[in-house]
Amino acid sequence: MDFPQIPQSTEPFLLGTVAGAIALAVVGFNWGGWVTGGTADKLAENRADKAVGSALAPVCIAQFTKDPNARATLKAFKALNTWEQGDYVGKGGWATMPGSTSKEPNSLVVSACVEALNKLVL
């Protein structure tokens, strides 16, 4: 069986097409904002987790402000450094949602609550 011969003039075209495709992929993934499906899933999961934490932060604030000593507690909270504030909120039980069977607070709720408590003025 005889295969047709490819004309010599098509070789530069094919090389240019391959080089263009490689350049397009490099530019797209590095500067164009393209991501793989796995990366997109991770980004979506992080955004969803952050949204849940932000949505539940008002519950944490409400539980915090119900405390009769809320002003003194808030003052003590704000005197702590950032790392200690998260532990303080977690141990205080404010980030544990009412009706939750888990004794451990959600770390995303703790983070959102810490951020909200730092803005809180009583």
N, C-alpha and C. Protein backbone atom coordinates (compact mmCIF):
# COMPACT_ATOMS: atom_id res chain seq x y z
N MET A 1 0.84 -1.16 0.00
CA MET A 1 0.00 0.00 0.00
C MET A 1 0.89 1.23 0.00
N ASP A 2 0.62 2.14 -0.86
CA ASP A 2 1.38 3.38 -0.97
C ASP A 2 0.67 4.49 -0.21
N PHE A 3 1.42 5.11 0.69
CA PHE A 3 0.87 6.25 1.43
C PHE A 3 1.22 7.51 0.66
N PRO A 4 0.32 8.47 0.68
CA PRO A 4 0.64 9.71 -0.02
C PRO A 4 1.76 10.45 0.69
N GLN A 5 2.58 11.11 -0.06
CA GLN A 5 3.69 11.89 0.49
C GLN A 5 3.17 13.24 0.99
N ILE A 6 3.69 13.63 2.17
CA ILE A 6 3.33 14.93 2.71
C ILE A 6 4.24 15.96 2.05
N PRO A 7 3.64 17.03 1.53
CA PRO A 7 4.47 18.04 0.89
C PRO A 7 5.43 18.69 1.88
N GLN A 8 6.60 19.08 1.41
CA GLN A 8 7.63 19.72 2.24
C GLN A 8 7.12 21.01 2.88
N SER A 9 6.20 21.71 2.25
CA SER A 9 5.74 22.99 2.76
C SER A 9 4.87 22.84 4.02
N THR A 10 4.42 21.62 4.35
CA THR A 10 3.58 21.45 5.54
C THR A 10 4.39 21.26 6.82
N GLU A 11 5.66 20.93 6.70
CA GLU A 11 6.48 20.71 7.90
C GLU A 11 6.57 21.97 8.76
N PRO A 12 6.86 23.15 8.23
CA PRO A 12 6.89 24.35 9.07
C PRO A 12 5.52 24.64 9.70
N PHE A 13 4.45 24.35 8.97
CA PHE A 13 3.11 24.57 9.50
C PHE A 13 2.86 23.67 10.71
N LEU A 14 3.21 22.39 10.60
CA LEU A 14 3.01 21.45 11.70
C LEU A 14 3.88 21.81 12.91
N LEU A 15 5.13 22.19 12.67
CA LEU A 15 6.00 22.60 13.77
C LEU A 15 5.47 23.86 14.46
N GLY A 16 4.98 24.78 13.68
CA GLY A 16 4.39 26.01 14.24
C GLY A 16 3.14 25.72 15.05
N THR A 17 2.34 24.77 14.59
CA THR A 17 1.13 24.38 15.31
C THR A 17 1.48 23.76 16.67
N VAL A 18 2.45 22.87 16.67
CA VAL A 18 2.87 22.23 17.92
C VAL A 18 3.47 23.26 18.88
N ALA A 19 4.34 24.14 18.36
CA ALA A 19 4.95 25.17 19.21
C ALA A 19 3.87 26.11 19.76
N GLY A 20 2.90 26.47 18.93
CA GLY A 20 1.81 27.34 19.37
C GLY A 20 0.96 26.70 20.45
N ALA A 21 0.69 25.40 20.31
CA ALA A 21 -0.10 24.70 21.32
C ALA A 21 0.64 24.65 22.65
N ILE A 22 1.94 24.41 22.60
CA ILE A 22 2.74 24.37 23.83
C ILE A 22 2.78 25.75 24.47
N ALA A 23 3.00 26.77 23.66
CA ALA A 23 3.04 28.14 24.19
C ALA A 23 1.68 28.53 24.79
N LEU A 24 0.60 28.15 24.14
CA LEU A 24 -0.74 28.46 24.64
C LEU A 24 -0.97 27.79 25.99
N ALA A 25 -0.56 26.54 26.14
CA ALA A 25 -0.73 25.83 27.40
C ALA A 25 0.10 26.48 28.51
N VAL A 26 1.34 26.84 28.21
CA VAL A 26 2.21 27.47 29.21
C VAL A 26 1.61 28.80 29.66
N VAL A 27 1.20 29.62 28.72
CA VAL A 27 0.63 30.93 29.06
C VAL A 27 -0.69 30.75 29.80
N GLY A 28 -1.53 29.85 29.34
CA GLY A 28 -2.84 29.65 29.96
C GLY A 28 -2.75 29.18 31.40
N PHE A 29 -1.89 28.21 31.68
CA PHE A 29 -1.79 27.69 33.04
C PHE A 29 -1.01 28.60 33.97
N ASN A 30 -0.04 29.36 33.44
CA ASN A 30 0.75 30.23 34.30
C ASN A 30 0.12 31.60 34.53
N TRP A 31 -0.42 32.20 33.49
CA TRP A 31 -0.92 33.56 33.63
C TRP A 31 -2.39 33.71 33.25
N GLY A 32 -2.96 32.72 32.61
CA GLY A 32 -4.35 32.83 32.15
C GLY A 32 -5.39 32.38 33.13
N GLY A 33 -4.96 31.85 34.26
CA GLY A 33 -5.92 31.43 35.26
C GLY A 33 -6.49 30.04 35.04
N TRP A 34 -5.95 29.28 34.12
CA TRP A 34 -6.42 27.92 33.90
C TRP A 34 -5.99 27.05 35.06
N VAL A 35 -6.83 26.13 35.46
CA VAL A 35 -6.49 25.17 36.50
C VAL A 35 -7.01 23.80 36.10
N THR A 36 -6.46 22.79 36.71
CA THR A 36 -6.93 21.43 36.46
C THR A 36 -8.21 21.19 37.25
N GLY A 37 -8.89 20.11 36.96
CA GLY A 37 -10.12 19.77 37.67
C GLY A 37 -9.88 19.56 39.15
N GLY A 38 -8.78 18.94 39.51
CA GLY A 38 -8.46 18.71 40.92
C GLY A 38 -8.24 20.01 41.68
N THR A 39 -7.54 20.93 41.04
CA THR A 39 -7.31 22.24 41.68
C THR A 39 -8.62 23.00 41.83
N ALA A 40 -9.47 22.94 40.81
CA ALA A 40 -10.77 23.61 40.89
C ALA A 40 -11.62 23.03 42.02
N ASP A 41 -11.57 21.71 42.21
CA ASP A 41 -12.31 21.07 43.30
C ASP A 41 -11.80 21.55 44.66
N LYS A 42 -10.48 21.63 44.81
CA LYS A 42 -9.90 22.10 46.07
C LYS A 42 -10.30 23.55 46.36
N LEU A 43 -10.24 24.40 45.33
CA LEU A 43 -10.62 25.80 45.51
C LEU A 43 -12.10 25.92 45.91
N ALA A 44 -12.95 25.14 45.25
CA ALA A 44 -14.38 25.18 45.57
C ALA A 44 -14.64 24.69 46.99
N GLU A 45 -13.94 23.66 47.40
CA GLU A 45 -14.12 23.13 48.76
C GLU A 45 -13.67 24.15 49.79
N ASN A 46 -12.55 24.82 49.54
CA ASN A 46 -12.07 25.85 50.47
C ASN A 46 -13.06 27.00 50.59
N ARG A 47 -13.61 27.42 49.46
CA ARG A 47 -14.60 28.52 49.49
C ARG A 47 -15.86 28.10 50.22
N ALA A 48 -16.30 26.88 50.01
CA ALA A 48 -17.50 26.40 50.70
C ALA A 48 -17.27 26.31 52.20
N ASP A 49 -16.11 25.80 52.61
CA ASP A 49 -15.79 25.71 54.02
C ASP A 49 -15.74 27.09 54.67
N LYS A 50 -15.15 28.04 53.96
CA LYS A 50 -15.06 29.41 54.47
C LYS A 50 -16.45 30.03 54.61
N ALA A 51 -17.33 29.74 53.65
CA ALA A 51 -18.69 30.26 53.69
C ALA A 51 -19.47 29.68 54.87
N VAL A 52 -19.27 28.41 55.15
CA VAL A 52 -19.94 27.78 56.30
C VAL A 52 -19.45 28.42 57.59
N GLY A 53 -18.14 28.60 57.70
CA GLY A 53 -17.59 29.25 58.89
C GLY A 53 -18.14 30.65 59.09
N SER A 54 -18.23 31.41 58.01
CA SER A 54 -18.77 32.78 58.08
C SER A 54 -20.25 32.78 58.42
N ALA A 55 -20.98 31.79 57.91
CA ALA A 55 -22.41 31.72 58.18
C ALA A 55 -22.69 31.36 59.64
N LEU A 56 -21.82 30.58 60.26
CA LEU A 56 -22.02 30.14 61.64
C LEU A 56 -21.37 31.07 62.66
N ALA A 57 -20.57 32.01 62.23
CA ALA A 57 -19.92 32.95 63.16
C ALA A 57 -20.93 33.75 63.99
N PRO A 58 -22.06 34.20 63.42
CA PRO A 58 -23.02 34.92 64.26
C PRO A 58 -23.57 34.09 65.42
N VAL A 59 -23.67 32.78 65.24
CA VAL A 59 -24.12 31.90 66.34
C VAL A 59 -23.07 31.94 67.45
N CYS A 60 -21.82 31.89 67.06
CA CYS A 60 -20.72 31.96 68.03
C CYS A 60 -20.76 33.30 68.78
N ILE A 61 -20.96 34.37 68.07
CA ILE A 61 -21.02 35.70 68.70
C ILE A 61 -22.21 35.78 69.65
N ALA A 62 -23.35 35.24 69.22
CA ALA A 62 -24.54 35.26 70.08
C ALA A 62 -24.29 34.47 71.37
N GLN A 63 -23.65 33.33 71.26
CA GLN A 63 -23.34 32.54 72.46
C GLN A 63 -22.35 33.27 73.35
N PHE A 64 -21.41 33.96 72.74
CA PHE A 64 -20.40 34.72 73.49
C PHE A 64 -21.06 35.86 74.26
N THR A 65 -21.94 36.59 73.61
CA THR A 65 -22.55 37.77 74.24
C THR A 65 -23.60 37.41 75.29
N LYS A 66 -24.09 36.17 75.32
CA LYS A 66 -25.05 35.75 76.35
C LYS A 66 -24.38 35.63 77.72
N ASP A 67 -23.09 35.50 77.74
CA ASP A 67 -22.34 35.37 79.00
C ASP A 67 -22.51 36.66 79.81
N PRO A 68 -22.87 36.56 81.09
CA PRO A 68 -23.02 37.77 81.90
C PRO A 68 -21.72 38.58 82.03
N ASN A 69 -20.58 37.92 81.89
CA ASN A 69 -19.29 38.60 81.98
C ASN A 69 -18.70 38.83 80.60
N ALA A 70 -19.52 39.07 79.62
CA ALA A 70 -19.06 39.18 78.24
C ALA A 70 -18.04 40.30 78.05
N ARG A 71 -18.24 41.42 78.71
CA ARG A 71 -17.29 42.54 78.54
C ARG A 71 -15.90 42.17 79.04
N ALA A 72 -15.84 41.59 80.21
CA ALA A 72 -14.54 41.20 80.77
C ALA A 72 -13.92 40.09 79.94
N THR A 73 -14.75 39.17 79.48
CA THR A 73 -14.25 38.07 78.66
C THR A 73 -13.71 38.59 77.34
N LEU A 74 -14.42 39.56 76.75
CA LEU A 74 -13.96 40.15 75.49
C LEU A 74 -12.64 40.89 75.69
N LYS A 75 -12.53 41.58 76.81
CA LYS A 75 -11.28 42.29 77.10
C LYS A 75 -10.12 41.31 77.24
N ALA A 76 -10.36 40.21 77.96
CA ALA A 76 -9.33 39.18 78.12
C ALA A 76 -9.00 38.54 76.77
N PHE A 77 -10.02 38.33 75.96
CA PHE A 77 -9.82 37.74 74.62
C PHE A 77 -8.94 38.63 73.76
N LYS A 78 -9.23 39.91 73.74
CA LYS A 78 -8.47 40.83 72.89
C LYS A 78 -7.04 41.03 73.38
N ALA A 79 -6.77 40.73 74.64
CA ALA A 79 -5.41 40.86 75.18
C ALA A 79 -4.51 39.70 74.73
N LEU A 80 -5.12 38.62 74.23
CA LEU A 80 -4.35 37.45 73.79
C LEU A 80 -3.79 37.67 72.40
N ASN A 81 -2.74 36.90 72.05
CA ASN A 81 -2.23 36.98 70.68
C ASN A 81 -3.13 36.14 69.78
N THR A 82 -2.94 36.25 68.50
CA THR A 82 -3.82 35.62 67.51
C THR A 82 -3.93 34.12 67.70
N TRP A 83 -2.83 33.45 67.98
CA TRP A 83 -2.85 31.99 68.13
C TRP A 83 -3.64 31.58 69.37
N GLU A 84 -3.47 32.32 70.43
CA GLU A 84 -4.16 31.99 71.68
C GLU A 84 -5.65 32.29 71.60
N GLN A 85 -6.04 33.26 70.78
CA GLN A 85 -7.45 33.60 70.66
C GLN A 85 -8.29 32.43 70.16
N GLY A 86 -7.76 31.70 69.18
CA GLY A 86 -8.48 30.54 68.66
C GLY A 86 -8.69 29.48 69.72
N ASP A 87 -7.66 29.22 70.51
CA ASP A 87 -7.78 28.24 71.61
C ASP A 87 -8.79 28.72 72.65
N TYR A 88 -8.76 30.01 72.92
CA TYR A 88 -9.66 30.61 73.91
C TYR A 88 -11.12 30.43 73.49
N VAL A 89 -11.40 30.69 72.22
CA VAL A 89 -12.77 30.54 71.70
C VAL A 89 -13.18 29.07 71.71
N GLY A 90 -12.27 28.20 71.31
CA GLY A 90 -12.58 26.77 71.29
C GLY A 90 -12.85 26.23 72.68
N LYS A 91 -12.02 26.59 73.65
CA LYS A 91 -12.20 26.12 75.03
C LYS A 91 -13.41 26.76 75.69
N GLY A 92 -13.76 27.98 75.26
CA GLY A 92 -14.93 28.66 75.82
C GLY A 92 -16.24 28.02 75.38
N GLY A 93 -16.20 27.22 74.32
CA GLY A 93 -17.39 26.53 73.85
C GLY A 93 -18.30 27.36 72.96
N TRP A 94 -17.92 28.56 72.64
CA TRP A 94 -18.79 29.44 71.84
C TRP A 94 -18.88 28.99 70.38
N ALA A 95 -17.83 28.34 69.90
CA ALA A 95 -17.82 27.90 68.50
C ALA A 95 -18.41 26.50 68.32
N THR A 96 -18.83 25.87 69.40
CA THR A 96 -19.52 24.59 69.30
C THR A 96 -21.00 24.90 69.10
N MET A 97 -21.55 24.41 68.03
CA MET A 97 -22.92 24.76 67.67
C MET A 97 -23.94 24.09 68.58
N PRO A 98 -25.02 24.80 68.91
CA PRO A 98 -26.07 24.22 69.74
C PRO A 98 -26.62 22.95 69.08
N GLY A 99 -26.82 21.92 69.87
CA GLY A 99 -27.34 20.67 69.35
C GLY A 99 -26.28 19.76 68.75
N SER A 100 -25.05 20.22 68.71
CA SER A 100 -23.97 19.42 68.15
C SER A 100 -23.60 18.29 69.10
N THR A 101 -23.38 17.11 68.53
CA THR A 101 -22.97 15.97 69.36
C THR A 101 -21.47 15.98 69.59
N SER A 102 -20.76 16.73 68.79
CA SER A 102 -19.30 16.81 68.92
C SER A 102 -18.94 17.85 69.97
N LYS A 103 -17.99 17.51 70.80
CA LYS A 103 -17.50 18.46 71.80
C LYS A 103 -16.43 19.38 71.22
N GLU A 104 -15.85 18.97 70.10
CA GLU A 104 -14.80 19.76 69.46
C GLU A 104 -15.44 20.79 68.51
N PRO A 105 -15.04 22.05 68.61
CA PRO A 105 -15.59 23.06 67.70
C PRO A 105 -14.98 22.93 66.31
N ASN A 106 -15.71 23.37 65.32
CA ASN A 106 -15.24 23.38 63.94
C ASN A 106 -14.18 24.47 63.82
N SER A 107 -13.02 24.11 63.29
CA SER A 107 -11.90 25.07 63.22
C SER A 107 -12.23 26.27 62.33
N LEU A 108 -13.05 26.06 61.30
CA LEU A 108 -13.43 27.18 60.42
C LEU A 108 -14.37 28.14 61.14
N VAL A 109 -15.24 27.60 61.99
CA VAL A 109 -16.12 28.46 62.79
C VAL A 109 -15.29 29.22 63.80
N VAL A 110 -14.31 28.56 64.39
CA VAL A 110 -13.42 29.23 65.35
C VAL A 110 -12.71 30.40 64.68
N SER A 111 -12.17 30.17 63.48
CA SER A 111 -11.46 31.25 62.76
C SER A 111 -12.38 32.42 62.46
N ALA A 112 -13.58 32.12 61.98
CA ALA A 112 -14.53 33.19 61.66
C ALA A 112 -14.99 33.91 62.92
N CYS A 113 -15.15 33.16 64.00
CA CYS A 113 -15.57 33.75 65.27
C CYS A 113 -14.49 34.66 65.84
N VAL A 114 -13.25 34.22 65.76
CA VAL A 114 -12.13 35.04 66.24
C VAL A 114 -12.09 36.36 65.48
N GLU A 115 -12.25 36.27 64.18
CA GLU A 115 -12.26 37.48 63.34
C GLU A 115 -13.40 38.41 63.74
N ALA A 116 -14.59 37.85 63.97
CA ALA A 116 -15.75 38.66 64.35
C ALA A 116 -15.59 39.23 65.76
N LEU A 117 -15.05 38.45 66.67
CA LEU A 117 -14.88 38.93 68.04
C LEU A 117 -13.86 40.07 68.10
N ASN A 118 -12.87 40.06 67.25
CA ASN A 118 -11.89 41.15 67.24
C ASN A 118 -12.51 42.45 66.77
N LYS A 119 -13.62 42.36 66.03
CA LYS A 119 -14.33 43.56 65.57
C LYS A 119 -15.44 43.98 66.53
N LEU A 120 -15.78 43.09 67.45
CA LEU A 120 -16.91 43.32 68.37
C LEU A 120 -16.59 44.40 69.39
N VAL A 121 -17.57 45.25 69.62
CA VAL A 121 -17.45 46.29 70.66
C VAL A 121 -18.67 46.14 71.58
N LEU A 122 -18.41 45.94 72.86
CA LEU A 122 -19.51 45.83 73.83
C LEU A 122 -19.58 47.04 74.72
